[in-house]
Amino acid sequence: MDLSTALLCAVAALLGVNNLLFKIPGWSTKRVFFWSLQAVNLGSIVALLAVGIPGFAGATTAINWVLGLLLIMHVIGNNGKLVEALRSNSSEEEREVNERRERMKAALLRGNEE
């Protein structure tokens, strides 16, 4: 396997990992994996657009830009999924706090009636 084929396979594997991360239960609480994947994505984007994948005669620029833009799309999508997960977690926590507050108010009202 030559270098250009190995680099293409590495980019394909990176795209697969981008999709696989969100299938892991509790991924939003394991932020080390998320941010390390985002760092690898950004590093790959810079490498693709600055250096590129050697070995594609004539089509190198187009291939590098397509793969780089695809990774940019994944970075943006990954951040959107993280924001969505954080919002859903905060709304659940807020709902639990409101339920506790209502229970405490009911207990205080029962205590005042007696």
PDB file of N, CA and C in Angstrom:
ATOM      1  N   MET A   1       0.856  -1.164   0.000  1.00  0.00           N
ATOM      2  CA  MET A   1       0.000   0.000   0.000  1.00  0.00           C
ATOM      3  C   MET A   1       0.908   1.235   0.000  1.00  0.00           C
ATOM      4  N   ASP A   2       0.688   2.108  -0.952  1.00  0.00           N
ATOM      5  CA  ASP A   2       1.497   3.309  -1.020  1.00  0.00           C
ATOM      6  C   ASP A   2       0.961   4.388  -0.075  1.00  0.00           C
ATOM      7  N   LEU A   3       1.683   5.482   0.014  1.00  0.00           N
ATOM      8  CA  LEU A   3       1.362   6.532   0.975  1.00  0.00           C
ATOM      9  C   LEU A   3       0.011   7.180   0.696  1.00  0.00           C
ATOM     10  N   SER A   4      -0.290   7.464  -0.551  1.00  0.00           N
ATOM     11  CA  SER A   4      -1.553   8.144  -0.852  1.00  0.00           C
ATOM     12  C   SER A   4      -2.754   7.264  -0.523  1.00  0.00           C
ATOM     13  N   THR A   5      -2.653   5.970  -0.766  1.00  0.00           N
ATOM     14  CA  THR A   5      -3.743   5.055  -0.427  1.00  0.00           C
ATOM     15  C   THR A   5      -3.914   4.947   1.086  1.00  0.00           C
ATOM     16  N   ALA A   6      -2.805   4.907   1.795  1.00  0.00           N
ATOM     17  CA  ALA A   6      -2.866   4.836   3.258  1.00  0.00           C
ATOM     18  C   ALA A   6      -3.496   6.102   3.834  1.00  0.00           C
ATOM     19  N   LEU A   7      -3.154   7.258   3.271  1.00  0.00           N
ATOM     20  CA  LEU A   7      -3.745   8.503   3.753  1.00  0.00           C
ATOM     21  C   LEU A   7      -5.245   8.573   3.456  1.00  0.00           C
ATOM     22  N   LEU A   8      -5.646   8.085   2.291  1.00  0.00           N
ATOM     23  CA  LEU A   8      -7.081   8.044   1.974  1.00  0.00           C
ATOM     24  C   LEU A   8      -7.831   7.129   2.932  1.00  0.00           C
ATOM     25  N   CYS A   9      -7.234   5.986   3.238  1.00  0.00           N
ATOM     26  CA  CYS A   9      -7.861   5.059   4.193  1.00  0.00           C
ATOM     27  C   CYS A   9      -7.938   5.687   5.582  1.00  0.00           C
ATOM     28  N   ALA A  10      -6.914   6.466   5.957  1.00  0.00           N
ATOM     29  CA  ALA A  10      -6.932   7.131   7.265  1.00  0.00           C
ATOM     30  C   ALA A  10      -8.043   8.176   7.328  1.00  0.00           C
ATOM     31  N   VAL A  11      -8.238   8.926   6.258  1.00  0.00           N
ATOM     32  CA  VAL A  11      -9.317   9.918   6.238  1.00  0.00           C
ATOM     33  C   VAL A  11     -10.673   9.216   6.286  1.00  0.00           C
ATOM     34  N   ALA A  12     -10.801   8.098   5.562  1.00  0.00           N
ATOM     35  CA  ALA A  12     -12.055   7.339   5.594  1.00  0.00           C
ATOM     36  C   ALA A  12     -12.319   6.795   7.002  1.00  0.00           C
ATOM     37  N   ALA A  13     -11.269   6.323   7.673  1.00  0.00           N
ATOM     38  CA  ALA A  13     -11.427   5.837   9.045  1.00  0.00           C
ATOM     39  C   ALA A  13     -11.821   6.974   9.985  1.00  0.00           C
ATOM     40  N   LEU A  14     -11.254   8.149   9.768  1.00  0.00           N
ATOM     41  CA  LEU A  14     -11.609   9.310  10.586  1.00  0.00           C
ATOM     42  C   LEU A  14     -13.072   9.692  10.399  1.00  0.00           C
ATOM     43  N   LEU A  15     -13.550   9.626   9.175  1.00  0.00           N
ATOM     44  CA  LEU A  15     -14.967   9.898   8.917  1.00  0.00           C
ATOM     45  C   LEU A  15     -15.852   8.859   9.606  1.00  0.00           C
ATOM     46  N   GLY A  16     -15.406   7.614   9.625  1.00  0.00           N
ATOM     47  CA  GLY A  16     -16.157   6.564  10.321  1.00  0.00           C
ATOM     48  C   GLY A  16     -16.187   6.784  11.822  1.00  0.00           C
ATOM     49  N   VAL A  17     -15.062   7.212  12.392  1.00  0.00           N
ATOM     50  CA  VAL A  17     -15.005   7.476  13.831  1.00  0.00           C
ATOM     51  C   VAL A  17     -15.920   8.647  14.191  1.00  0.00           C
ATOM     52  N   ASN A  18     -16.010   9.643  13.284  1.00  0.00           N
ATOM     53  CA  ASN A  18     -16.922  10.770  13.518  1.00  0.00           C
ATOM     54  C   ASN A  18     -18.358  10.284  13.656  1.00  0.00           C
ATOM     55  N   ASN A  19     -18.749   9.290  12.888  1.00  0.00           N
ATOM     56  CA  ASN A  19     -20.109   8.763  12.988  1.00  0.00           C
ATOM     57  C   ASN A  19     -20.255   7.797  14.162  1.00  0.00           C
ATOM     58  N   LEU A  20     -19.206   7.073  14.484  1.00  0.00           N
ATOM     59  CA  LEU A  20     -19.262   6.074  15.541  1.00  0.00           C
ATOM     60  C   LEU A  20     -19.331   6.700  16.929  1.00  0.00           C
ATOM     61  N   LEU A  21     -18.693   7.843  17.123  1.00  0.00           N
ATOM     62  CA  LEU A  21     -18.631   8.456  18.451  1.00  0.00           C
ATOM     63  C   LEU A  21     -20.011   8.670  19.045  1.00  0.00           C
ATOM     64  N   PHE A  22     -20.974   9.071  18.222  1.00  0.00           N
ATOM     65  CA  PHE A  22     -22.292   9.419  18.737  1.00  0.00           C
ATOM     66  C   PHE A  22     -23.169   8.200  18.984  1.00  0.00           C
ATOM     67  N   LYS A  23     -22.685   7.033  18.680  1.00  0.00           N
ATOM     68  CA  LYS A  23     -23.417   5.797  18.971  1.00  0.00           C
ATOM     69  C   LYS A  23     -23.000   5.205  20.319  1.00  0.00           C
ATOM     70  N   ILE A  24     -21.976   5.774  20.936  1.00  0.00           N
ATOM     71  CA  ILE A  24     -21.514   5.324  22.246  1.00  0.00           C
ATOM     72  C   ILE A  24     -22.424   5.929  23.315  1.00  0.00           C
ATOM     73  N   PRO A  25     -22.997   5.101  24.196  1.00  0.00           N
ATOM     74  CA  PRO A  25     -23.872   5.654  25.242  1.00  0.00           C
ATOM     75  C   PRO A  25     -23.092   6.584  26.177  1.00  0.00           C
ATOM     76  N   GLY A  26     -23.675   7.716  26.476  1.00  0.00           N
ATOM     77  CA  GLY A  26     -23.050   8.665  27.382  1.00  0.00           C
ATOM     78  C   GLY A  26     -21.881   9.418  26.773  1.00  0.00           C
ATOM     79  N   TRP A  27     -21.859   9.556  25.460  1.00  0.00           N
ATOM     80  CA  TRP A  27     -20.733  10.230  24.806  1.00  0.00           C
ATOM     81  C   TRP A  27     -20.631  11.686  25.225  1.00  0.00           C
ATOM     82  N   SER A  28     -21.750  12.297  25.570  1.00  0.00           N
ATOM     83  CA  SER A  28     -21.705  13.722  25.912  1.00  0.00           C
ATOM     84  C   SER A  28     -21.056  13.960  27.277  1.00  0.00           C
ATOM     85  N   THR A  29     -20.965  12.932  28.103  1.00  0.00           N
ATOM     86  CA  THR A  29     -20.296  13.081  29.387  1.00  0.00           C
ATOM     87  C   THR A  29     -18.815  12.748  29.296  1.00  0.00           C
ATOM     88  N   LYS A  30     -18.414  12.073  28.243  1.00  0.00           N
ATOM     89  CA  LYS A  30     -17.001  11.722  28.035  1.00  0.00           C
ATOM     90  C   LYS A  30     -16.403  12.720  27.048  1.00  0.00           C
ATOM     91  N   ARG A  31     -16.183  13.921  27.532  1.00  0.00           N
ATOM     92  CA  ARG A  31     -15.766  15.004  26.655  1.00  0.00           C
ATOM     93  C   ARG A  31     -14.340  14.853  26.154  1.00  0.00           C
ATOM     94  N   VAL A  32     -13.496  14.068  26.824  1.00  0.00           N
ATOM     95  CA  VAL A  32     -12.115  13.893  26.368  1.00  0.00           C
ATOM     96  C   VAL A  32     -12.117  13.268  24.978  1.00  0.00           C
ATOM     97  N   PHE A  33     -12.970  12.270  24.764  1.00  0.00           N
ATOM     98  CA  PHE A  33     -13.045  11.627  23.452  1.00  0.00           C
ATOM     99  C   PHE A  33     -13.559  12.601  22.397  1.00  0.00           C
ATOM    100  N   PHE A  34     -14.562  13.374  22.769  1.00  0.00           N
ATOM    101  CA  PHE A  34     -15.149  14.317  21.824  1.00  0.00           C
ATOM    102  C   PHE A  34     -14.132  15.365  21.391  1.00  0.00           C
ATOM    103  N   TRP A  35     -13.466  15.991  22.361  1.00  0.00           N
ATOM    104  CA  TRP A  35     -12.540  17.074  22.027  1.00  0.00           C
ATOM    105  C   TRP A  35     -11.278  16.549  21.359  1.00  0.00           C
ATOM    106  N   SER A  36     -10.840  15.339  21.700  1.00  0.00           N
ATOM    107  CA  SER A  36      -9.684  14.779  20.992  1.00  0.00           C
ATOM    108  C   SER A  36     -10.045  14.476  19.541  1.00  0.00           C
ATOM    109  N   LEU A  37     -11.263  13.997  19.297  1.00  0.00           N
ATOM    110  CA  LEU A  37     -11.705  13.766  17.919  1.00  0.00           C
ATOM    111  C   LEU A  37     -11.786  15.078  17.153  1.00  0.00           C
ATOM    112  N   GLN A  38     -12.294  16.126  17.799  1.00  0.00           N
ATOM    113  CA  GLN A  38     -12.373  17.425  17.146  1.00  0.00           C
ATOM    114  C   GLN A  38     -10.969  17.956  16.823  1.00  0.00           C
ATOM    115  N   ALA A  39     -10.013  17.740  17.715  1.00  0.00           N
ATOM    116  CA  ALA A  39      -8.637  18.184  17.462  1.00  0.00           C
ATOM    117  C   ALA A  39      -8.028  17.417  16.289  1.00  0.00           C
ATOM    118  N   VAL A  40      -8.275  16.112  16.225  1.00  0.00           N
ATOM    119  CA  VAL A  40      -7.783  15.320  15.093  1.00  0.00           C
ATOM    120  C   VAL A  40      -8.449  15.779  13.803  1.00  0.00           C
ATOM    121  N   ASN A  41      -9.743  16.080  13.866  1.00  0.00           N
ATOM    122  CA  ASN A  41     -10.444  16.596  12.687  1.00  0.00           C
ATOM    123  C   ASN A  41      -9.803  17.888  12.192  1.00  0.00           C
ATOM    124  N   LEU A  42      -9.574  18.821  13.101  1.00  0.00           N
ATOM    125  CA  LEU A  42      -8.996  20.109  12.716  1.00  0.00           C
ATOM    126  C   LEU A  42      -7.571  19.954  12.193  1.00  0.00           C
ATOM    127  N   GLY A  43      -6.797  19.097  12.820  1.00  0.00           N
ATOM    128  CA  GLY A  43      -5.444  18.831  12.333  1.00  0.00           C
ATOM    129  C   GLY A  43      -5.451  18.220  10.945  1.00  0.00           C
ATOM    130  N   SER A  44      -6.385  17.324  10.710  1.00  0.00           N
ATOM    131  CA  SER A  44      -6.502  16.696   9.391  1.00  0.00           C
ATOM    132  C   SER A  44      -6.932  17.703   8.334  1.00  0.00           C
ATOM    133  N   ILE A  45      -7.821  18.613   8.710  1.00  0.00           N
ATOM    134  CA  ILE A  45      -8.266  19.647   7.771  1.00  0.00           C
ATOM    135  C   ILE A  45      -7.088  20.518   7.356  1.00  0.00           C
ATOM    136  N   VAL A  46      -6.316  20.947   8.336  1.00  0.00           N
ATOM    137  CA  VAL A  46      -5.160  21.795   8.041  1.00  0.00           C
ATOM    138  C   VAL A  46      -4.165  21.042   7.164  1.00  0.00           C
ATOM    139  N   ALA A  47      -3.911  19.775   7.487  1.00  0.00           N
ATOM    140  CA  ALA A  47      -2.961  18.988   6.698  1.00  0.00           C
ATOM    141  C   ALA A  47      -3.462  18.761   5.269  1.00  0.00           C
ATOM    142  N   LEU A  48      -4.752  18.484   5.127  1.00  0.00           N
ATOM    143  CA  LEU A  48      -5.303  18.263   3.787  1.00  0.00           C
ATOM    144  C   LEU A  48      -5.248  19.512   2.929  1.00  0.00           C
ATOM    145  N   LEU A  49      -5.586  20.640   3.519  1.00  0.00           N
ATOM    146  CA  LEU A  49      -5.637  21.862   2.728  1.00  0.00           C
ATOM    147  C   LEU A  49      -4.257  22.482   2.530  1.00  0.00           C
ATOM    148  N   ALA A  50      -3.340  22.289   3.459  1.00  0.00           N
ATOM    149  CA  ALA A  50      -2.006  22.877   3.328  1.00  0.00           C
ATOM    150  C   ALA A  50      -1.052  21.986   2.536  1.00  0.00           C
ATOM    151  N   VAL A  51      -1.021  20.695   2.869  1.00  0.00           N
ATOM    152  CA  VAL A  51      -0.062  19.785   2.243  1.00  0.00           C
ATOM    153  C   VAL A  51      -0.744  18.915   1.195  1.00  0.00           C
ATOM    154  N   GLY A  52      -1.862  18.309   1.575  1.00  0.00           N
ATOM    155  CA  GLY A  52      -2.613  17.477   0.652  1.00  0.00           C
ATOM    156  C   GLY A  52      -2.159  16.028   0.653  1.00  0.00           C
ATOM    157  N   ILE A  53      -2.822  15.246  -0.155  1.00  0.00           N
ATOM    158  CA  ILE A  53      -2.496  13.825  -0.311  1.00  0.00           C
ATOM    159  C   ILE A  53      -1.705  13.690  -1.606  1.00  0.00           C
ATOM    160  N   PRO A  54      -0.489  13.196  -1.513  1.00  0.00           N
ATOM    161  CA  PRO A  54       0.308  13.057  -2.735  1.00  0.00           C
ATOM    162  C   PRO A  54      -0.151  11.868  -3.580  1.00  0.00           C
ATOM    163  N   GLY A  55       0.133  11.906  -4.842  1.00  0.00           N
ATOM    164  CA  GLY A  55      -0.083  10.749  -5.685  1.00  0.00           C
ATOM    165  C   GLY A  55      -1.277  10.809  -6.603  1.00  0.00           C
ATOM    166  N   PHE A  56      -2.084  11.836  -6.539  1.00  0.00           N
ATOM    167  CA  PHE A  56      -3.218  11.955  -7.447  1.00  0.00           C
ATOM    168  C   PHE A  56      -2.870  12.991  -8.511  1.00  0.00           C
ATOM    169  N   ALA A  57      -2.461  12.540  -9.658  1.00  0.00           N
ATOM    170  CA  ALA A  57      -2.004  13.442 -10.713  1.00  0.00           C
ATOM    171  C   ALA A  57      -3.158  14.296 -11.227  1.00  0.00           C
ATOM    172  N   GLY A  58      -3.031  15.602 -11.066  1.00  0.00           N
ATOM    173  CA  GLY A  58      -4.005  16.529 -11.603  1.00  0.00           C
ATOM    174  C   GLY A  58      -5.225  16.761 -10.733  1.00  0.00           C
ATOM    175  N   ALA A  59      -5.702  15.759 -10.040  1.00  0.00           N
ATOM    176  CA  ALA A  59      -6.934  15.877  -9.259  1.00  0.00           C
ATOM    177  C   ALA A  59      -6.661  16.115  -7.784  1.00  0.00           C
ATOM    178  N   THR A  60      -5.405  16.311  -7.433  1.00  0.00           N
ATOM    179  CA  THR A  60      -5.041  16.426  -6.021  1.00  0.00           C
ATOM    180  C   THR A  60      -5.763  17.570  -5.329  1.00  0.00           C
ATOM    181  N   THR A  61      -5.804  18.716  -5.948  1.00  0.00           N
ATOM    182  CA  THR A  61      -6.404  19.883  -5.311  1.00  0.00           C
ATOM    183  C   THR A  61      -7.890  19.658  -5.039  1.00  0.00           C
ATOM    184  N   ALA A  62      -8.600  19.127  -6.000  1.00  0.00           N
ATOM    185  CA  ALA A  62     -10.035  18.900  -5.827  1.00  0.00           C
ATOM    186  C   ALA A  62     -10.303  17.863  -4.741  1.00  0.00           C
ATOM    187  N   ILE A  63      -9.541  16.788  -4.738  1.00  0.00           N
ATOM    188  CA  ILE A  63      -9.729  15.734  -3.730  1.00  0.00           C
ATOM    189  C   ILE A  63      -9.438  16.273  -2.340  1.00  0.00           C
ATOM    190  N   ASN A  64      -8.354  17.027  -2.205  1.00  0.00           N
ATOM    191  CA  ASN A  64      -8.005  17.593  -0.895  1.00  0.00           C
ATOM    192  C   ASN A  64      -9.085  18.539  -0.396  1.00  0.00           C
ATOM    193  N   TRP A  65      -9.619  19.384  -1.272  1.00  0.00           N
ATOM    194  CA  TRP A  65     -10.658  20.322  -0.865  1.00  0.00           C
ATOM    195  C   TRP A  65     -11.958  19.614  -0.508  1.00  0.00           C
ATOM    196  N   VAL A  66     -12.309  18.602  -1.272  1.00  0.00           N
ATOM    197  CA  VAL A  66     -13.548  17.861  -0.962  1.00  0.00           C
ATOM    198  C   VAL A  66     -13.425  17.177   0.392  1.00  0.00           C
ATOM    199  N   LEU A  67     -12.305  16.514   0.636  1.00  0.00           N
ATOM    200  CA  LEU A  67     -12.123  15.837   1.920  1.00  0.00           C
ATOM    201  C   LEU A  67     -12.020  16.843   3.062  1.00  0.00           C
ATOM    202  N   GLY A  68     -11.334  17.954   2.839  1.00  0.00           N
ATOM    203  CA  GLY A  68     -11.220  18.981   3.873  1.00  0.00           C
ATOM    204  C   GLY A  68     -12.571  19.589   4.220  1.00  0.00           C
ATOM    205  N   LEU A  69     -13.360  19.891   3.199  1.00  0.00           N
ATOM    206  CA  LEU A  69     -14.687  20.463   3.453  1.00  0.00           C
ATOM    207  C   LEU A  69     -15.624  19.452   4.103  1.00  0.00           C
ATOM    208  N   LEU A  70     -15.461  18.181   3.767  1.00  0.00           N
ATOM    209  CA  LEU A  70     -16.263  17.138   4.413  1.00  0.00           C
ATOM    210  C   LEU A  70     -15.931  17.059   5.899  1.00  0.00           C
ATOM    211  N   LEU A  71     -14.656  17.174   6.224  1.00  0.00           N
ATOM    212  CA  LEU A  71     -14.273  17.168   7.636  1.00  0.00           C
ATOM    213  C   LEU A  71     -14.750  18.429   8.352  1.00  0.00           C
ATOM    214  N   ILE A  72     -14.741  19.570   7.668  1.00  0.00           N
ATOM    215  CA  ILE A  72     -15.276  20.796   8.259  1.00  0.00           C
ATOM    216  C   ILE A  72     -16.761  20.611   8.578  1.00  0.00           C
ATOM    217  N   MET A  73     -17.472  19.976   7.661  1.00  0.00           N
ATOM    218  CA  MET A  73     -18.888  19.701   7.895  1.00  0.00           C
ATOM    219  C   MET A  73     -19.078  18.819   9.130  1.00  0.00           C
ATOM    220  N   HIS A  74     -18.197  17.840   9.318  1.00  0.00           N
ATOM    221  CA  HIS A  74     -18.289  16.976  10.499  1.00  0.00           C
ATOM    222  C   HIS A  74     -17.979  17.750  11.779  1.00  0.00           C
ATOM    223  N   VAL A  75     -17.002  18.643  11.741  1.00  0.00           N
ATOM    224  CA  VAL A  75     -16.681  19.445  12.930  1.00  0.00           C
ATOM    225  C   VAL A  75     -17.889  20.274  13.337  1.00  0.00           C
ATOM    226  N   ILE A  76     -18.521  20.924  12.375  1.00  0.00           N
ATOM    227  CA  ILE A  76     -19.689  21.749  12.671  1.00  0.00           C
ATOM    228  C   ILE A  76     -20.849  20.885  13.169  1.00  0.00           C
ATOM    229  N   GLY A  77     -21.077  19.749  12.519  1.00  0.00           N
ATOM    230  CA  GLY A  77     -22.149  18.846  12.944  1.00  0.00           C
ATOM    231  C   GLY A  77     -21.904  18.271  14.330  1.00  0.00           C
ATOM    232  N   ASN A  78     -20.646  17.923  14.621  1.00  0.00           N
ATOM    233  CA  ASN A  78     -20.316  17.393  15.948  1.00  0.00           C
ATOM    234  C   ASN A  78     -20.576  18.427  17.029  1.00  0.00           C
ATOM    235  N   ASN A  79     -20.189  19.677  16.776  1.00  0.00           N
ATOM    236  CA  ASN A  79     -20.451  20.729  17.760  1.00  0.00           C
ATOM    237  C   ASN A  79     -21.944  20.941  17.953  1.00  0.00           C
ATOM    238  N   GLY A  80     -22.720  20.854  16.882  1.00  0.00           N
ATOM    239  CA  GLY A  80     -24.174  20.975  17.001  1.00  0.00           C
ATOM    240  C   GLY A  80     -24.771  19.861  17.834  1.00  0.00           C
ATOM    241  N   LYS A  81     -24.261  18.642  17.660  1.00  0.00           N
ATOM    242  CA  LYS A  81     -24.762  17.518  18.451  1.00  0.00           C
ATOM    243  C   LYS A  81     -24.407  17.680  19.925  1.00  0.00           C
ATOM    244  N   LEU A  82     -23.218  18.221  20.203  1.00  0.00           N
ATOM    245  CA  LEU A  82     -22.836  18.446  21.597  1.00  0.00           C
ATOM    246  C   LEU A  82     -23.731  19.496  22.238  1.00  0.00           C
ATOM    247  N   VAL A  83     -23.992  20.590  21.534  1.00  0.00           N
ATOM    248  CA  VAL A  83     -24.869  21.641  22.068  1.00  0.00           C
ATOM    249  C   VAL A  83     -26.260  21.085  22.329  1.00  0.00           C
ATOM    250  N   GLU A  84     -26.768  20.284  21.405  1.00  0.00           N
ATOM    251  CA  GLU A  84     -28.099  19.680  21.578  1.00  0.00           C
ATOM    252  C   GLU A  84     -28.138  18.768  22.794  1.00  0.00           C
ATOM    253  N   ALA A  85     -27.080  17.964  22.977  1.00  0.00           N
ATOM    254  CA  ALA A  85     -27.028  17.058  24.132  1.00  0.00           C
ATOM    255  C   ALA A  85     -26.941  17.844  25.434  1.00  0.00           C
ATOM    256  N   LEU A  86     -26.172  18.928  25.441  1.00  0.00           N
ATOM    257  CA  LEU A  86     -26.059  19.735  26.662  1.00  0.00           C
ATOM    258  C   LEU A  86     -27.371  20.425  26.989  1.00  0.00           C
ATOM    259  N   ARG A  87     -28.079  20.885  25.981  1.00  0.00           N
ATOM    260  CA  ARG A  87     -29.383  21.523  26.226  1.00  0.00           C
ATOM    261  C   ARG A  87     -30.386  20.525  26.780  1.00  0.00           C
ATOM    262  N   SER A  88     -30.399  19.307  26.254  1.00  0.00           N
ATOM    263  CA  SER A  88     -31.354  18.318  26.749  1.00  0.00           C
ATOM    264  C   SER A  88     -31.006  17.914  28.180  1.00  0.00           C
ATOM    265  N   ASN A  89     -29.708  17.816  28.497  1.00  0.00           N
ATOM    266  CA  ASN A  89     -29.311  17.492  29.870  1.00  0.00           C
ATOM    267  C   ASN A  89     -29.698  18.603  30.830  1.00  0.00           C
ATOM    268  N   SER A  90     -29.510  19.857  30.411  1.00  0.00           N
ATOM    269  CA  SER A  90     -29.835  20.963  31.314  1.00  0.00           C
ATOM    270  C   SER A  90     -31.343  21.083  31.506  1.00  0.00           C
ATOM    271  N   SER A  91     -32.129  20.776  30.474  1.00  0.00           N
ATOM    272  CA  SER A  91     -33.584  20.849  30.647  1.00  0.00           C
ATOM    273  C   SER A  91     -34.081  19.739  31.569  1.00  0.00           C
ATOM    274  N   GLU A  92     -33.458  18.566  31.515  1.00  0.00           N
ATOM    275  CA  GLU A  92     -33.833  17.493  32.446  1.00  0.00           C
ATOM    276  C   GLU A  92     -33.486  17.882  33.880  1.00  0.00           C
ATOM    277  N   GLU A  93     -32.303  18.469  34.068  1.00  0.00           N
ATOM    278  CA  GLU A  93     -31.902  18.890  35.410  1.00  0.00           C
ATOM    279  C   GLU A  93     -32.826  19.994  35.920  1.00  0.00           C
ATOM    280  N   GLU A  94     -33.199  20.909  35.039  1.00  0.00           N
ATOM    281  CA  GLU A  94     -34.101  21.992  35.426  1.00  0.00           C
ATOM    282  C   GLU A  94     -35.470  21.441  35.813  1.00  0.00           C
ATOM    283  N   ARG A  95     -35.943  20.437  35.098  1.00  0.00           N
ATOM    284  CA  ARG A  95     -37.222  19.819  35.412  1.00  0.00           C
ATOM    285  C   ARG A  95     -37.167  19.149  36.780  1.00  0.00           C
ATOM    286  N   GLU A  96     -36.053  18.455  37.081  1.00  0.00           N
ATOM    287  CA  GLU A  96     -35.908  17.810  38.380  1.00  0.00           C
ATOM    288  C   GLU A  96     -35.877  18.836  39.506  1.00  0.00           C
ATOM    289  N   VAL A  97     -35.192  19.954  39.290  1.00  0.00           N
ATOM    290  CA  VAL A  97     -35.139  21.012  40.304  1.00  0.00           C
ATOM    291  C   VAL A  97     -36.530  21.582  40.542  1.00  0.00           C
ATOM    292  N   ASN A  98     -37.293  21.789  39.479  1.00  0.00           N
ATOM    293  CA  ASN A  98     -38.656  22.314  39.623  1.00  0.00           C
ATOM    294  C   ASN A  98     -39.554  21.332  40.362  1.00  0.00           C
ATOM    295  N   GLU A  99     -39.395  20.031  40.110  1.00  0.00           N
ATOM    296  CA  GLU A  99     -40.179  19.036  40.830  1.00  0.00           C
ATOM    297  C   GLU A  99     -39.847  19.055  42.312  1.00  0.00           C
ATOM    298  N   ARG A 100     -38.560  19.159  42.670  1.00  0.00           N
ATOM    299  CA  ARG A 100     -38.167  19.235  44.080  1.00  0.00           C
ATOM    300  C   ARG A 100     -38.731  20.495  44.725  1.00  0.00           C
ATOM    301  N   ARG A 101     -38.664  21.587  43.998  1.00  0.00           N
ATOM    302  CA  ARG A 101     -39.187  22.854  44.512  1.00  0.00           C
ATOM    303  C   ARG A 101     -40.672  22.740  44.816  1.00  0.00           C
ATOM    304  N   GLU A 102     -41.428  22.127  43.915  1.00  0.00           N
ATOM    305  CA  GLU A 102     -42.869  21.950  44.127  1.00  0.00           C
ATOM    306  C   GLU A 102     -43.148  21.046  45.320  1.00  0.00           C
ATOM    307  N   ARG A 103     -42.350  19.982  45.498  1.00  0.00           N
ATOM    308  CA  ARG A 103     -42.526  19.099  46.649  1.00  0.00           C
ATOM    309  C   ARG A 103     -42.253  19.840  47.954  1.00  0.00           C
ATOM    310  N   MET A 104     -41.216  20.681  47.938  1.00  0.00           N
ATOM    311  CA  MET A 104     -40.900  21.446  49.145  1.00  0.00           C
ATOM    312  C   MET A 104     -42.003  22.456  49.464  1.00  0.00           C
ATOM    313  N   LYS A 105     -42.526  23.114  48.432  1.00  0.00           N
ATOM    314  CA  LYS A 105     -43.631  24.058  48.652  1.00  0.00           C
ATOM    315  C   LYS A 105     -44.850  23.351  49.213  1.00  0.00           C
ATOM    316  N   ALA A 106     -45.151  22.173  48.670  1.00  0.00           N
ATOM    317  CA  ALA A 106     -46.306  21.410  49.162  1.00  0.00           C
ATOM    318  C   ALA A 106     -46.081  21.001  50.613  1.00  0.00           C
ATOM    319  N   ALA A 107     -44.854  20.597  50.953  1.00  0.00           N
ATOM    320  CA  ALA A 107     -44.561  20.200  52.338  1.00  0.00           C
ATOM    321  C   ALA A 107     -44.679  21.396  53.269  1.00  0.00           C
ATOM    322  N   LEU A 108     -44.210  22.558  52.827  1.00  0.00           N
ATOM    323  CA  LEU A 108     -44.321  23.752  53.659  1.00  0.00           C
ATOM    324  C   LEU A 108     -45.774  24.172  53.846  1.00  0.00           C
ATOM    325  N   LEU A 109     -46.585  24.057  52.806  1.00  0.00           N
ATOM    326  CA  LEU A 109     -48.004  24.390  52.911  1.00  0.00           C
ATOM    327  C   LEU A 109     -48.712  23.433  53.865  1.00  0.00           C
ATOM    328  N   ARG A 110     -48.366  22.156  53.796  1.00  0.00           N
ATOM    329  CA  ARG A 110     -48.970  21.177  54.727  1.00  0.00           C
ATOM    330  C   ARG A 110     -48.560  21.506  56.154  1.00  0.00           C
ATOM    331  N   GLY A 111     -47.303  21.946  56.344  1.00  0.00           N
ATOM    332  CA  GLY A 111     -46.827  22.289  57.689  1.00  0.00           C
ATOM    333  C   GLY A 111     -47.523  23.522  58.236  1.00  0.00           C
ATOM    334  N   ASN A 112     -47.851  24.494  57.390  1.00  0.00           N
ATOM    335  CA  ASN A 112     -48.543  25.710  57.834  1.00  0.00           C
ATOM    336  C   ASN A 112     -50.003  25.454  58.154  1.00  0.00           C
ATOM    337  N   GLU A 113     -50.625  24.485  57.518  1.00  0.00           N
ATOM    338  CA  GLU A 113     -52.027  24.179  57.745  1.00  0.00           C
ATOM    339  C   GLU A 113     -52.244  23.535  59.113  1.00  0.00           C
ATOM    340  N   GLU A 114     -51.254  22.839  59.603  1.00  0.00           N
ATOM    341  CA  GLU A 114     -51.408  22.129  60.882  1.00  0.00           C
ATOM    342  C   GLU A 114     -51.175  23.009  62.020  1.00  0.00           C
TER     343      GLU A 114
END
